[in-house]
PDB file of N, CA and C in Angstrom:
ATOM      1  N   MET A   1      94.282  77.998  96.972  1.00  0.00           N
ATOM      2  CA  MET A   1      94.097  77.751  98.399  1.00  0.00           C
ATOM      3  C   MET A   1      95.173  78.495  99.190  1.00  0.00           C
ATOM      4  N   THR A   2      94.764  79.176 100.220  1.00  0.00           N
ATOM      5  CA  THR A   2      95.678  79.910 101.066  1.00  0.00           C
ATOM      6  C   THR A   2      96.227  78.981 102.142  1.00  0.00           C
ATOM      7  N   ASN A   3      97.535  79.035 102.328  1.00  0.00           N
ATOM      8  CA  ASN A   3      98.162  78.227 103.362  1.00  0.00           C
ATOM      9  C   ASN A   3      97.950  78.864 104.727  1.00  0.00           C
ATOM     10  N   THR A   4      97.768  78.024 105.741  1.00  0.00           N
ATOM     11  CA  THR A   4      97.687  78.538 107.096  1.00  0.00           C
ATOM     12  C   THR A   4      99.101  78.852 107.591  1.00  0.00           C
ATOM     13  N   ILE A   5      99.170  79.582 108.664  1.00  0.00           N
ATOM     14  CA  ILE A   5     100.470  79.924 109.234  1.00  0.00           C
ATOM     15  C   ILE A   5     101.238  78.657 109.598  1.00  0.00           C
ATOM     16  N   GLU A   6     100.560  77.693 110.174  1.00  0.00           N
ATOM     17  CA  GLU A   6     101.250  76.450 110.556  1.00  0.00           C
ATOM     18  C   GLU A   6     101.777  75.708 109.332  1.00  0.00           C
ATOM     19  N   GLU A   7     101.002  75.685 108.267  1.00  0.00           N
ATOM     20  CA  GLU A   7     101.462  75.041 107.029  1.00  0.00           C
ATOM     21  C   GLU A   7     102.678  75.773 106.464  1.00  0.00           C
ATOM     22  N   LEU A   8     102.622  77.087 106.497  1.00  0.00           N
ATOM     23  CA  LEU A   8     103.747  77.870 105.980  1.00  0.00           C
ATOM     24  C   LEU A   8     104.995  77.697 106.832  1.00  0.00           C
ATOM     25  N   LYS A   9     104.830  77.631 108.141  1.00  0.00           N
ATOM     26  CA  LYS A   9     105.983  77.397 109.020  1.00  0.00           C
ATOM     27  C   LYS A   9     106.637  76.060 108.700  1.00  0.00           C
ATOM     28  N   LYS A  10     105.818  75.061 108.432  1.00  0.00           N
ATOM     29  CA  LYS A  10     106.358  73.749 108.067  1.00  0.00           C
ATOM     30  C   LYS A  10     107.126  73.832 106.758  1.00  0.00           C
ATOM     31  N   LYS A  11     106.567  74.536 105.774  1.00  0.00           N
ATOM     32  CA  LYS A  11     107.252  74.696 104.493  1.00  0.00           C
ATOM     33  C   LYS A  11     108.574  75.443 104.669  1.00  0.00           C
ATOM     34  N   VAL A  12     108.595  76.449 105.525  1.00  0.00           N
ATOM     35  CA  VAL A  12     109.824  77.203 105.791  1.00  0.00           C
ATOM     36  C   VAL A  12     110.869  76.288 106.422  1.00  0.00           C
ATOM     37  N   GLN A  13     110.435  75.437 107.349  1.00  0.00           N
ATOM     38  CA  GLN A  13     111.377  74.499 107.968  1.00  0.00           C
ATOM     39  C   GLN A  13     111.956  73.537 106.937  1.00  0.00           C
ATOM     40  N   GLU A  14     111.137  73.140 105.985  1.00  0.00           N
ATOM     41  CA  GLU A  14     111.591  72.215 104.947  1.00  0.00           C
ATOM     42  C   GLU A  14     112.463  72.905 103.904  1.00  0.00           C
ATOM     43  N   ASN A  15     112.287  74.210 103.731  1.00  0.00           N
ATOM     44  CA  ASN A  15     113.013  74.998 102.724  1.00  0.00           C
ATOM     45  C   ASN A  15     113.528  76.290 103.352  1.00  0.00           C
ATOM     46  N   PRO A  16     114.464  76.191 104.286  1.00  0.00           N
ATOM     47  CA  PRO A  16     114.853  77.369 105.065  1.00  0.00           C
ATOM     48  C   PRO A  16     115.534  78.483 104.272  1.00  0.00           C
ATOM     49  N   GLU A  17     115.950  78.231 103.060  1.00  0.00           N
ATOM     50  CA  GLU A  17     116.589  79.287 102.261  1.00  0.00           C
ATOM     51  C   GLU A  17     115.629  79.914 101.246  1.00  0.00           C
ATOM     52  N   ASN A  18     114.374  79.533 101.277  1.00  0.00           N
ATOM     53  CA  ASN A  18     113.393  80.024 100.308  1.00  0.00           C
ATOM     54  C   ASN A  18     112.811  81.361 100.780  1.00  0.00           C
ATOM     55  N   ALA A  19     113.293  82.440 100.211  1.00  0.00           N
ATOM     56  CA  ALA A  19     112.864  83.785 100.606  1.00  0.00           C
ATOM     57  C   ALA A  19     111.372  83.992 100.371  1.00  0.00           C
ATOM     58  N   ALA A  20     110.855  83.465  99.273  1.00  0.00           N
ATOM     59  CA  ALA A  20     109.439  83.664  98.954  1.00  0.00           C
ATOM     60  C   ALA A  20     108.527  83.054 100.020  1.00  0.00           C
ATOM     61  N   LEU A  21     108.939  81.949 100.615  1.00  0.00           N
ATOM     62  CA  LEU A  21     108.131  81.348 101.674  1.00  0.00           C
ATOM     63  C   LEU A  21     108.102  82.235 102.911  1.00  0.00           C
ATOM     64  N   TYR A  22     109.245  82.838 103.253  1.00  0.00           N
ATOM     65  CA  TYR A  22     109.257  83.770 104.383  1.00  0.00           C
ATOM     66  C   TYR A  22     108.357  84.966 104.099  1.00  0.00           C
ATOM     67  N   ASN A  23     108.383  85.446 102.865  1.00  0.00           N
ATOM     68  CA  ASN A  23     107.526  86.565 102.502  1.00  0.00           C
ATOM     69  C   ASN A  23     106.050  86.171 102.615  1.00  0.00           C
ATOM     70  N   GLU A  24     105.722  84.980 102.134  1.00  0.00           N
ATOM     71  CA  GLU A  24     104.343  84.503 102.217  1.00  0.00           C
ATOM     72  C   GLU A  24     103.909  84.337 103.672  1.00  0.00           C
ATOM     73  N   LEU A  25     104.811  83.835 104.504  1.00  0.00           N
ATOM     74  CA  LEU A  25     104.511  83.710 105.930  1.00  0.00           C
ATOM     75  C   LEU A  25     104.315  85.095 106.552  1.00  0.00           C
ATOM     76  N   GLY A  26     105.137  86.047 106.140  1.00  0.00           N
ATOM     77  CA  GLY A  26     104.953  87.422 106.609  1.00  0.00           C
ATOM     78  C   GLY A  26     103.590  87.965 106.216  1.00  0.00           C
ATOM     79  N   ASP A  27     103.174  87.697 104.991  1.00  0.00           N
ATOM     80  CA  ASP A  27     101.852  88.136 104.534  1.00  0.00           C
ATOM     81  C   ASP A  27     100.745  87.520 105.391  1.00  0.00           C
ATOM     82  N   ALA A  28     100.899  86.251 105.724  1.00  0.00           N
ATOM     83  CA  ALA A  28      99.887  85.572 106.542  1.00  0.00           C
ATOM     84  C   ALA A  28      99.799  86.212 107.927  1.00  0.00           C
ATOM     85  N   HIS A  29     100.955  86.520 108.516  1.00  0.00           N
ATOM     86  CA  HIS A  29     100.949  87.207 109.818  1.00  0.00           C
ATOM     87  C   HIS A  29     100.349  88.600 109.681  1.00  0.00           C
ATOM     88  N   TYR A  30     100.708  89.302 108.627  1.00  0.00           N
ATOM     89  CA  TYR A  30     100.167  90.643 108.403  1.00  0.00           C
ATOM     90  C   TYR A  30      98.646  90.588 108.317  1.00  0.00           C
ATOM     91  N   ASP A  31      98.123  89.635 107.578  1.00  0.00           N
ATOM     92  CA  ASP A  31      96.674  89.509 107.411  1.00  0.00           C
ATOM     93  C   ASP A  31      95.952  89.285 108.734  1.00  0.00           C
ATOM     94  N   ARG A  32      96.678  88.756 109.706  1.00  0.00           N
ATOM     95  CA  ARG A  32      96.105  88.527 111.045  1.00  0.00           C
ATOM     96  C   ARG A  32      96.483  89.650 112.012  1.00  0.00           C
ATOM     97  N   SER A  33      97.035  90.734 111.473  1.00  0.00           N
ATOM     98  CA  SER A  33      97.480  91.894 112.277  1.00  0.00           C
ATOM     99  C   SER A  33      98.553  91.515 113.287  1.00  0.00           C
ATOM    100  N   GLU A  34      99.333  90.500 112.967  1.00  0.00           N
ATOM    101  CA  GLU A  34     100.467  90.083 113.801  1.00  0.00           C
ATOM    102  C   GLU A  34     101.716  90.760 113.230  1.00  0.00           C
ATOM    103  N   PHE A  35     101.777  92.083 113.417  1.00  0.00           N
ATOM    104  CA  PHE A  35     102.779  92.885 112.734  1.00  0.00           C
ATOM    105  C   PHE A  35     104.222  92.580 113.137  1.00  0.00           C
ATOM    106  N   PRO A  36     104.539  92.414 114.433  1.00  0.00           N
ATOM    107  CA  PRO A  36     105.930  92.067 114.759  1.00  0.00           C
ATOM    108  C   PRO A  36     106.383  90.748 114.124  1.00  0.00           C
ATOM    109  N   ALA A  37     105.510  89.763 114.097  1.00  0.00           N
ATOM    110  CA  ALA A  37     105.861  88.483 113.458  1.00  0.00           C
ATOM    111  C   ALA A  37     106.027  88.669 111.957  1.00  0.00           C
ATOM    112  N   ALA A  38     105.170  89.480 111.351  1.00  0.00           N
ATOM    113  CA  ALA A  38     105.293  89.754 109.917  1.00  0.00           C
ATOM    114  C   ALA A  38     106.630  90.428 109.619  1.00  0.00           C
ATOM    115  N   ILE A  39     106.999  91.394 110.436  1.00  0.00           N
ATOM    116  CA  ILE A  39     108.273  92.095 110.247  1.00  0.00           C
ATOM    117  C   ILE A  39     109.437  91.113 110.306  1.00  0.00           C
ATOM    118  N   ASP A  40     109.423  90.224 111.282  1.00  0.00           N
ATOM    119  CA  ASP A  40     110.489  89.220 111.389  1.00  0.00           C
ATOM    120  C   ASP A  40     110.575  88.374 110.121  1.00  0.00           C
ATOM    121  N   CYS A  41     109.432  87.962 109.593  1.00  0.00           N
ATOM    122  CA  CYS A  41     109.416  87.139 108.380  1.00  0.00           C
ATOM    123  C   CYS A  41     109.931  87.910 107.175  1.00  0.00           C
ATOM    124  N   TYR A  42     109.503  89.158 107.027  1.00  0.00           N
ATOM    125  CA  TYR A  42     109.987  89.960 105.896  1.00  0.00           C
ATOM    126  C   TYR A  42     111.489  90.176 105.990  1.00  0.00           C
ATOM    127  N   LYS A  43     111.998  90.369 107.194  1.00  0.00           N
ATOM    128  CA  LYS A  43     113.451  90.524 107.355  1.00  0.00           C
ATOM    129  C   LYS A  43     114.183  89.239 106.966  1.00  0.00           C
ATOM    130  N   GLU A  44     113.595  88.103 107.290  1.00  0.00           N
ATOM    131  CA  GLU A  44     114.196  86.826 106.888  1.00  0.00           C
ATOM    132  C   GLU A  44     114.175  86.670 105.373  1.00  0.00           C
ATOM    133  N   ALA A  45     113.087  87.077 104.740  1.00  0.00           N
ATOM    134  CA  ALA A  45     113.012  87.021 103.276  1.00  0.00           C
ATOM    135  C   ALA A  45     114.105  87.896 102.668  1.00  0.00           C
ATOM    136  N   ILE A  46     114.264  89.097 103.193  1.00  0.00           N
ATOM    137  CA  ILE A  46     115.276  90.024 102.686  1.00  0.00           C
ATOM    138  C   ILE A  46     116.680  89.474 102.908  1.00  0.00           C
ATOM    139  N   LYS A  47     116.900  88.848 104.041  1.00  0.00           N
ATOM    140  CA  LYS A  47     118.215  88.265 104.321  1.00  0.00           C
ATOM    141  C   LYS A  47     118.569  87.217 103.267  1.00  0.00           C
ATOM    142  N   ARG A  48     117.565  86.473 102.816  1.00  0.00           N
ATOM    143  CA  ARG A  48     117.809  85.411 101.844  1.00  0.00           C
ATOM    144  C   ARG A  48     117.852  85.909 100.397  1.00  0.00           C
ATOM    145  N   ASP A  49     117.107  86.975 100.121  1.00  0.00           N
ATOM    146  CA  ASP A  49     117.131  87.538  98.764  1.00  0.00           C
ATOM    147  C   ASP A  49     116.870  89.044  98.835  1.00  0.00           C
ATOM    148  N   PRO A  50     117.914  89.812  99.066  1.00  0.00           N
ATOM    149  CA  PRO A  50     117.745  91.256  99.206  1.00  0.00           C
ATOM    150  C   PRO A  50     117.440  91.984  97.907  1.00  0.00           C
ATOM    151  N   SER A  51     117.403  91.272  96.790  1.00  0.00           N
ATOM    152  CA  SER A  51     117.181  91.917  95.497  1.00  0.00           C
ATOM    153  C   SER A  51     115.706  92.067  95.121  1.00  0.00           C
ATOM    154  N   VAL A  52     114.802  91.607  95.975  1.00  0.00           N
ATOM    155  CA  VAL A  52     113.373  91.671  95.664  1.00  0.00           C
ATOM    156  C   VAL A  52     112.765  92.908  96.338  1.00  0.00           C
ATOM    157  N   ALA A  53     112.403  93.873  95.524  1.00  0.00           N
ATOM    158  CA  ALA A  53     111.873  95.140  96.043  1.00  0.00           C
ATOM    159  C   ALA A  53     110.595  94.930  96.848  1.00  0.00           C
ATOM    160  N   GLN A  54     109.760  94.010  96.434  1.00  0.00           N
ATOM    161  CA  GLN A  54     108.488  93.786  97.131  1.00  0.00           C
ATOM    162  C   GLN A  54     108.702  93.390  98.587  1.00  0.00           C
ATOM    163  N   TYR A  55     109.749  92.630  98.881  1.00  0.00           N
ATOM    164  CA  TYR A  55     110.018  92.256 100.273  1.00  0.00           C
ATOM    165  C   TYR A  55     110.312  93.504 101.100  1.00  0.00           C
ATOM    166  N   HIS A  56     111.089  94.419 100.549  1.00  0.00           N
ATOM    167  CA  HIS A  56     111.405  95.665 101.251  1.00  0.00           C
ATOM    168  C   HIS A  56     110.151  96.511 101.434  1.00  0.00           C
ATOM    169  N   ASN A  57     109.316  96.556 100.397  1.00  0.00           N
ATOM    170  CA  ASN A  57     108.074  97.309 100.504  1.00  0.00           C
ATOM    171  C   ASN A  57     107.158  96.710 101.572  1.00  0.00           C
ATOM    172  N   ASN A  58     107.059  95.388 101.602  1.00  0.00           N
ATOM    173  CA  ASN A  58     106.226  94.733 102.617  1.00  0.00           C
ATOM    174  C   ASN A  58     106.732  95.055 104.020  1.00  0.00           C
ATOM    175  N   LEU A  59     108.040  95.016 104.199  1.00  0.00           N
ATOM    176  CA  LEU A  59     108.626  95.384 105.486  1.00  0.00           C
ATOM    177  C   LEU A  59     108.284  96.832 105.811  1.00  0.00           C
ATOM    178  N   GLY A  60     108.470  97.709 104.835  1.00  0.00           N
ATOM    179  CA  GLY A  60     108.187  99.119 105.060  1.00  0.00           C
ATOM    180  C   GLY A  60     106.745  99.368 105.443  1.00  0.00           C
ATOM    181  N   TYR A  61     105.827  98.747 104.728  1.00  0.00           N
ATOM    182  CA  TYR A  61     104.416  98.990 105.000  1.00  0.00           C
ATOM    183  C   TYR A  61     104.020  98.474 106.376  1.00  0.00           C
ATOM    184  N   THR A  62     104.560  97.336 106.756  1.00  0.00           N
ATOM    185  CA  THR A  62     104.236  96.785 108.071  1.00  0.00           C
ATOM    186  C   THR A  62     104.803  97.666 109.175  1.00  0.00           C
ATOM    187  N   CYS A  63     106.025  98.138 108.995  1.00  0.00           N
ATOM    188  CA  CYS A  63     106.595  99.074 109.976  1.00  0.00           C
ATOM    189  C   CYS A  63     105.767 100.349 110.051  1.00  0.00           C
ATOM    190  N   TYR A  64     105.332 100.833 108.907  1.00  0.00           N
ATOM    191  CA  TYR A  64     104.483 102.027 108.843  1.00  0.00           C
ATOM    192  C   TYR A  64     103.215 101.827 109.673  1.00  0.00           C
ATOM    193  N   MET A  65     102.623 100.652 109.575  1.00  0.00           N
ATOM    194  CA  MET A  65     101.364 100.378 110.268  1.00  0.00           C
ATOM    195  C   MET A  65     101.496 100.470 111.784  1.00  0.00           C
ATOM    196  N   ILE A  66     102.693 100.228 112.301  1.00  0.00           N
ATOM    197  CA  ILE A  66     102.874 100.294 113.757  1.00  0.00           C
ATOM    198  C   ILE A  66     103.794 101.458 114.151  1.00  0.00           C
ATOM    199  N   ASP A  67     103.838 102.455 113.277  1.00  0.00           N
ATOM    200  CA  ASP A  67     104.552 103.712 113.545  1.00  0.00           C
ATOM    201  C   ASP A  67     106.054 103.549 113.774  1.00  0.00           C
ATOM    202  N   ARG A  68     106.640 102.555 113.163  1.00  0.00           N
ATOM    203  CA  ARG A  68     108.102 102.438 113.150  1.00  0.00           C
ATOM    204  C   ARG A  68     108.567 103.105 111.856  1.00  0.00           C
ATOM    205  N   LEU A  69     108.427 104.421 111.853  1.00  0.00           N
ATOM    206  CA  LEU A  69     108.542 105.181 110.610  1.00  0.00           C
ATOM    207  C   LEU A  69     109.958 105.229 110.054  1.00  0.00           C
ATOM    208  N   ASP A  70     110.970 105.330 110.893  1.00  0.00           N
ATOM    209  CA  ASP A  70     112.338 105.342 110.372  1.00  0.00           C
ATOM    210  C   ASP A  70     112.654 104.032 109.653  1.00  0.00           C
ATOM    211  N   GLU A  71     112.214 102.931 110.236  1.00  0.00           N
ATOM    212  CA  GLU A  71     112.418 101.631 109.587  1.00  0.00           C
ATOM    213  C   GLU A  71     111.625 101.546 108.281  1.00  0.00           C
ATOM    214  N   ALA A  72     110.402 102.057 108.301  1.00  0.00           N
ATOM    215  CA  ALA A  72     109.576 102.042 107.094  1.00  0.00           C
ATOM    216  C   ALA A  72     110.245 102.835 105.985  1.00  0.00           C
ATOM    217  N   ILE A  73     110.724 104.015 106.306  1.00  0.00           N
ATOM    218  CA  ILE A  73     111.359 104.878 105.308  1.00  0.00           C
ATOM    219  C   ILE A  73     112.602 104.216 104.735  1.00  0.00           C
ATOM    220  N   ALA A  74     113.410 103.610 105.598  1.00  0.00           N
ATOM    221  CA  ALA A  74     114.618 102.925 105.119  1.00  0.00           C
ATOM    222  C   ALA A  74     114.254 101.768 104.184  1.00  0.00           C
ATOM    223  N   ALA A  75     113.220 101.014 104.529  1.00  0.00           N
ATOM    224  CA  ALA A  75     112.801  99.893 103.683  1.00  0.00           C
ATOM    225  C   ALA A  75     112.271 100.395 102.345  1.00  0.00           C
ATOM    226  N   TYR A  76     111.498 101.470 102.379  1.00  0.00           N
ATOM    227  CA  TYR A  76     110.988 102.043 101.125  1.00  0.00           C
ATOM    228  C   TYR A  76     112.117 102.574 100.252  1.00  0.00           C
ATOM    229  N   HIS A  77     113.117 103.191 100.874  1.00  0.00           N
ATOM    230  CA  HIS A  77     114.270 103.671 100.092  1.00  0.00           C
ATOM    231  C   HIS A  77     114.918 102.515  99.332  1.00  0.00           C
ATOM    232  N   GLU A  78     115.060 101.395 100.002  1.00  0.00           N
ATOM    233  CA  GLU A  78     115.682 100.240  99.347  1.00  0.00           C
ATOM    234  C   GLU A  78     114.787  99.695  98.239  1.00  0.00           C
ATOM    235  N   ALA A  79     113.490  99.641  98.472  1.00  0.00           N
ATOM    236  CA  ALA A  79     112.571  99.189  97.424  1.00  0.00           C
ATOM    237  C   ALA A  79     112.668 100.099  96.199  1.00  0.00           C
ATOM    238  N   ILE A  80     112.748 101.396  96.439  1.00  0.00           N
ATOM    239  CA  ILE A  80     112.863 102.356  95.335  1.00  0.00           C
ATOM    240  C   ILE A  80     114.201 102.219  94.623  1.00  0.00           C
ATOM    241  N   ARG A  81     115.260 101.972  95.386  1.00  0.00           N
ATOM    242  CA  ARG A  81     116.566 101.770  94.764  1.00  0.00           C
ATOM    243  C   ARG A  81     116.512 100.576  93.802  1.00  0.00           C
ATOM    244  N   LEU A  82     115.810  99.538  94.207  1.00  0.00           N
ATOM    245  CA  LEU A  82     115.719  98.326  93.397  1.00  0.00           C
ATOM    246  C   LEU A  82     114.747  98.478  92.226  1.00  0.00           C
ATOM    247  N   GLU A  83     113.671  99.212  92.435  1.00  0.00           N
ATOM    248  CA  GLU A  83     112.659  99.424  91.384  1.00  0.00           C
ATOM    249  C   GLU A  83     112.275 100.903  91.354  1.00  0.00           C
ATOM    250  N   PRO A  84     113.134 101.738  90.781  1.00  0.00           N
ATOM    251  CA  PRO A  84     112.921 103.191  90.853  1.00  0.00           C
ATOM    252  C   PRO A  84     111.676 103.702  90.135  1.00  0.00           C
ATOM    253  N   THR A  85     111.085 102.928  89.269  1.00  0.00           N
ATOM    254  CA  THR A  85     109.906 103.407  88.546  1.00  0.00           C
ATOM    255  C   THR A  85     108.581 103.000  89.201  1.00  0.00           C
ATOM    256  N   SER A  86     108.639 102.339  90.334  1.00  0.00           N
ATOM    257  CA  SER A  86     107.409 101.896  90.994  1.00  0.00           C
ATOM    258  C   SER A  86     106.690 103.073  91.651  1.00  0.00           C
ATOM    259  N   GLY A  87     105.537 103.391  91.151  1.00  0.00           N
ATOM    260  CA  GLY A  87     104.728 104.447  91.754  1.00  0.00           C
ATOM    261  C   GLY A  87     104.274 104.085  93.153  1.00  0.00           C
ATOM    262  N   LEU A  88     103.997 102.808  93.382  1.00  0.00           N
ATOM    263  CA  LEU A  88     103.559 102.364  94.697  1.00  0.00           C
ATOM    264  C   LEU A  88     104.610 102.662  95.754  1.00  0.00           C
ATOM    265  N   TYR A  89     105.853 102.350  95.473  1.00  0.00           N
ATOM    266  CA  TYR A  89     106.910 102.548  96.463  1.00  0.00           C
ATOM    267  C   TYR A  89     107.118 104.034  96.737  1.00  0.00           C
ATOM    268  N   HIS A  90     107.041 104.851  95.708  1.00  0.00           N
ATOM    269  CA  HIS A  90     107.165 106.303  95.895  1.00  0.00           C
ATOM    270  C   HIS A  90     105.993 106.843  96.709  1.00  0.00           C
ATOM    271  N   ASN A  91     104.810 106.346  96.442  1.00  0.00           N
ATOM    272  CA  ASN A  91     103.635 106.760  97.205  1.00  0.00           C
ATOM    273  C   ASN A  91     103.783 106.369  98.677  1.00  0.00           C
ATOM    274  N   ASN A  92     104.243 105.152  98.908  1.00  0.00           N
ATOM    275  CA  ASN A  92     104.383 104.673 100.280  1.00  0.00           C
ATOM    276  C   ASN A  92     105.409 105.481 101.067  1.00  0.00           C
ATOM    277  N   ILE A  93     106.538 105.801 100.446  1.00  0.00           N
ATOM    278  CA  ILE A  93     107.535 106.580 101.180  1.00  0.00           C
ATOM    279  C   ILE A  93     107.021 107.997 101.433  1.00  0.00           C
ATOM    280  N   SER A  94     106.262 108.536 100.506  1.00  0.00           N
ATOM    281  CA  SER A  94     105.680 109.865 100.710  1.00  0.00           C
ATOM    282  C   SER A  94     104.729 109.863 101.906  1.00  0.00           C
ATOM    283  N   ALA A  95     103.923 108.824 102.014  1.00  0.00           N
ATOM    284  CA  ALA A  95     103.001 108.709 103.141  1.00  0.00           C
ATOM    285  C   ALA A  95     103.762 108.605 104.461  1.00  0.00           C
ATOM    286  N   ALA A  96     104.831 107.817 104.473  1.00  0.00           N
ATOM    287  CA  ALA A  96     105.617 107.653 105.701  1.00  0.00           C
ATOM    288  C   ALA A  96     106.314 108.952 106.093  1.00  0.00           C
ATOM    289  N   LEU A  97     106.863 109.653 105.122  1.00  0.00           N
ATOM    290  CA  LEU A  97     107.522 110.942 105.411  1.00  0.00           C
ATOM    291  C   LEU A  97     106.512 111.963 105.930  1.00  0.00           C
ATOM    292  N   ALA A  98     105.329 111.977 105.340  1.00  0.00           N
ATOM    293  CA  ALA A  98     104.299 112.899 105.801  1.00  0.00           C
ATOM    294  C   ALA A  98     103.868 112.567 107.231  1.00  0.00           C
ATOM    295  N   LYS A  99     103.670 111.291 107.498  1.00  0.00           N
ATOM    296  CA  LYS A  99     103.265 110.870 108.843  1.00  0.00           C
ATOM    297  C   LYS A  99     104.345 111.231 109.866  1.00  0.00           C
ATOM    298  N   LYS A 100     105.593 111.017 109.489  1.00  0.00           N
ATOM    299  CA  LYS A 100     106.701 111.338 110.393  1.00  0.00           C
ATOM    300  C   LYS A 100     106.751 112.831 110.699  1.00  0.00           C
ATOM    301  N   SER A 101     106.456 113.658 109.715  1.00  0.00           N
ATOM    302  CA  SER A 101     106.520 115.106 109.902  1.00  0.00           C
ATOM    303  C   SER A 101     105.232 115.656 110.509  1.00  0.00           C
ATOM    304  N   GLY A 102     104.212 114.816 110.666  1.00  0.00           N
ATOM    305  CA  GLY A 102     102.953 115.273 111.227  1.00  0.00           C
ATOM    306  C   GLY A 102     102.056 115.973 110.232  1.00  0.00           C
ATOM    307  N   GLN A 103     102.405 115.874 108.963  1.00  0.00           N
ATOM    308  CA  GLN A 103     101.627 116.517 107.910  1.00  0.00           C
ATOM    309  C   GLN A 103     100.620 115.537 107.317  1.00  0.00           C
ATOM    310  N   PRO A 104      99.471 116.042 106.881  1.00  0.00           N
ATOM    311  CA  PRO A 104      98.529 115.139 106.218  1.00  0.00           C
ATOM    312  C   PRO A 104      99.084 114.697 104.869  1.00  0.00           C
ATOM    313  N   PHE A 105      98.802 113.463 104.516  1.00  0.00           N
ATOM    314  CA  PHE A 105      99.239 112.938 103.219  1.00  0.00           C
ATOM    315  C   PHE A 105      98.095 113.055 102.241  1.00  0.00           C
ATOM    316  N   LYS A 106      98.379 113.645 101.093  1.00  0.00           N
ATOM    317  CA  LYS A 106      97.325 113.844 100.095  1.00  0.00           C
ATOM    318  C   LYS A 106      97.567 112.978  98.896  1.00  0.00           C
TER     319      LYS A 106
END
């Protein structure tokens, strides 16, 4: 069962240091195209546990979606630093760099 945003906000209030809950709340906002709110949640997740590459990737992808490319690239760099063998993170940073340079991504 998927939690609603209100349910997730309540869980976050009850467990304010739980990074995974902030990430899940960010995902819920992302799914509703509420990108600024998703970004805030991903940043909160990272603040609580900066060692999780997926949180950085989620932040990067959301920034990418709203053309905050410098932020996206920085987040992807951190995800790659944490998980250097992830093809997904390398692909995502390549797409962001291409978009920033105005080149098509292949």
